[in-house]
Protein backbone atom coordinates (compact mmCIF):
# COMPACT_ATOMS: atom_id res chain seq x y z
CA MET A 1 -78.46 6.65 -4.54
CA THR A 2 -75.84 5.28 -1.91
CA ARG A 3 -76.47 3.07 0.79
CA GLY A 4 -74.44 1.68 3.69
CA ARG A 5 -72.53 4.64 6.39
CA PRO A 6 -70.42 6.92 4.27
CA THR A 7 -67.12 5.97 3.40
CA LYS A 8 -65.51 9.62 4.21
CA LEU A 9 -66.32 12.89 5.01
CA LYS A 10 -67.78 15.20 2.67
CA HIS A 11 -66.22 18.31 3.92
CA HIS A 12 -62.98 19.98 5.30
CA HIS A 13 -64.62 21.69 7.45
CA GLN A 14 -65.27 18.81 8.94
CA VAL A 15 -62.19 17.38 8.98
CA LEU A 16 -60.67 19.76 10.62
CA GLY A 17 -63.63 20.05 13.32
CA LEU A 18 -62.67 16.23 13.93
CA VAL A 19 -58.91 17.11 14.47
CA LEU A 20 -60.30 20.09 16.78
CA CYS A 21 -62.63 17.20 18.84
CA PHE A 22 -59.44 14.44 18.81
CA TYR A 23 -56.71 16.87 20.39
CA VAL A 24 -58.37 19.15 22.16
CA GLY A 25 -61.45 16.55 23.60
CA SER A 26 -61.16 13.87 25.74
CA MET A 27 -63.94 11.89 23.84
CA GLU A 28 -64.37 8.02 23.04
CA GLN A 29 -64.20 7.26 19.84
CA SER A 30 -68.06 6.16 19.73
CA SER A 31 -68.82 9.50 21.04
CA HIS A 32 -66.48 10.87 17.64
CA CYS A 33 -68.26 8.19 15.61
CA MET A 34 -72.17 9.84 17.20
CA LEU A 35 -71.15 13.24 16.37
CA PHE A 36 -69.76 13.28 12.91
CA GLY A 37 -72.23 10.09 11.74
CA ALA A 38 -69.48 8.49 10.73
CA PRO A 39 -68.55 4.56 11.64
CA PRO A 40 -65.19 3.66 13.19
CA SER A 41 -63.22 3.43 10.15
CA THR A 42 -64.07 5.78 8.38
CA LEU A 43 -63.25 7.66 11.39
CA SER A 44 -59.65 6.65 12.00
CA ARG A 45 -59.17 6.57 8.80
CA THR A 46 -59.90 9.90 7.68
CA LEU A 47 -58.02 11.66 11.00
CA ALA A 48 -54.85 9.05 10.08
CA ARG A 49 -55.12 11.17 6.76
CA ALA A 50 -55.67 14.33 8.14
CA GLU A 51 -52.99 13.55 10.70
CA ALA A 52 -50.21 13.83 8.07
CA ALA A 53 -51.86 16.68 6.19
CA LEU A 54 -51.44 19.14 9.05
CA ALA A 55 -48.11 17.59 9.73
CA GLN A 56 -46.92 18.36 6.49
CA ALA A 57 -48.75 21.87 6.55
CA LEU A 58 -46.94 22.34 9.85
CA SER A 59 -43.10 21.43 8.88
CA GLY A 60 -41.43 24.47 8.43
CA TYR A 61 -43.53 26.55 10.56
CA ALA A 62 -41.59 26.99 13.94
CA PRO A 63 -43.54 28.41 16.68
CA ALA A 64 -45.82 24.84 15.81
CA ARG A 65 -42.70 23.42 17.13
CA ILE A 66 -42.51 21.49 20.46
CA SER A 67 -38.63 22.12 21.69
CA TRP A 68 -37.44 21.13 24.95
CA PRO A 69 -35.59 23.76 26.63
CA SER A 70 -32.49 23.61 27.17
CA PRO A 71 -30.53 21.85 30.15
CA ALA A 72 -30.36 25.16 32.84
CA ARG A 73 -33.86 25.88 31.68
CA GLN A 74 -34.62 22.47 32.88
CA ALA A 75 -32.88 22.67 36.07
CA GLU A 76 -34.57 25.98 36.48
CA LEU A 77 -38.23 25.21 36.18
CA ALA A 78 -37.48 21.70 38.08
CA LYS A 79 -36.49 23.92 40.36
CA LEU A 80 -39.67 25.95 40.55
CA VAL A 81 -42.17 22.24 40.27
CA GLU A 82 -39.79 21.55 44.02
CA ALA A 83 -40.89 24.70 45.59
CA ARG A 84 -44.31 24.12 44.87
CA GLU A 85 -44.26 20.24 45.40
CA PRO A 86 -41.57 18.83 46.99
CA LEU A 87 -42.51 15.44 46.06
CA LEU A 88 -42.14 15.59 42.59
CA GLN A 89 -38.45 16.82 42.12
CA ASN A 90 -35.93 17.26 38.60
CA THR A 91 -39.64 17.33 37.17
CA PHE A 92 -39.17 20.41 35.05
CA GLY A 93 -43.14 20.01 33.35
CA PHE A 94 -45.70 18.52 32.56
CA ILE A 95 -47.61 17.12 29.61
CA ASP A 96 -51.74 16.23 29.73
CA GLY A 97 -53.86 14.27 27.03
CA LYS A 98 -52.38 12.43 24.63
CA ASN A 99 -50.16 9.77 24.59
CA PHE A 100 -47.43 10.65 21.86
CA ARG A 101 -44.54 8.76 21.26
CA VAL A 102 -41.74 11.41 22.64
CA SER A 103 -38.58 11.24 19.41
CA PHE A 104 -34.77 12.98 19.02
CA ILE A 105 -34.55 14.16 15.78
């Protein structure tokens, strides 16, 4: 019998649940800790590994790829946004939820 907090989540479905809760929900890490019954260090490590595995699994899957619209399409979308919200000029879309770095490949 081991003592202390668990060093990892026991089942793969728990890891998948953690990733989905992280991306879809707006809970703080402390809430995730209570929900999954693991300390912050375990959840951080598990989430980092799960994100790496998910990125590798989806790397060749085109529907999972995020791509920017062409400049012409950006202009069309910006006109639609400005027609609805006149104070938002030169805006073609919105991203909400998480703070991710944007990189160009």
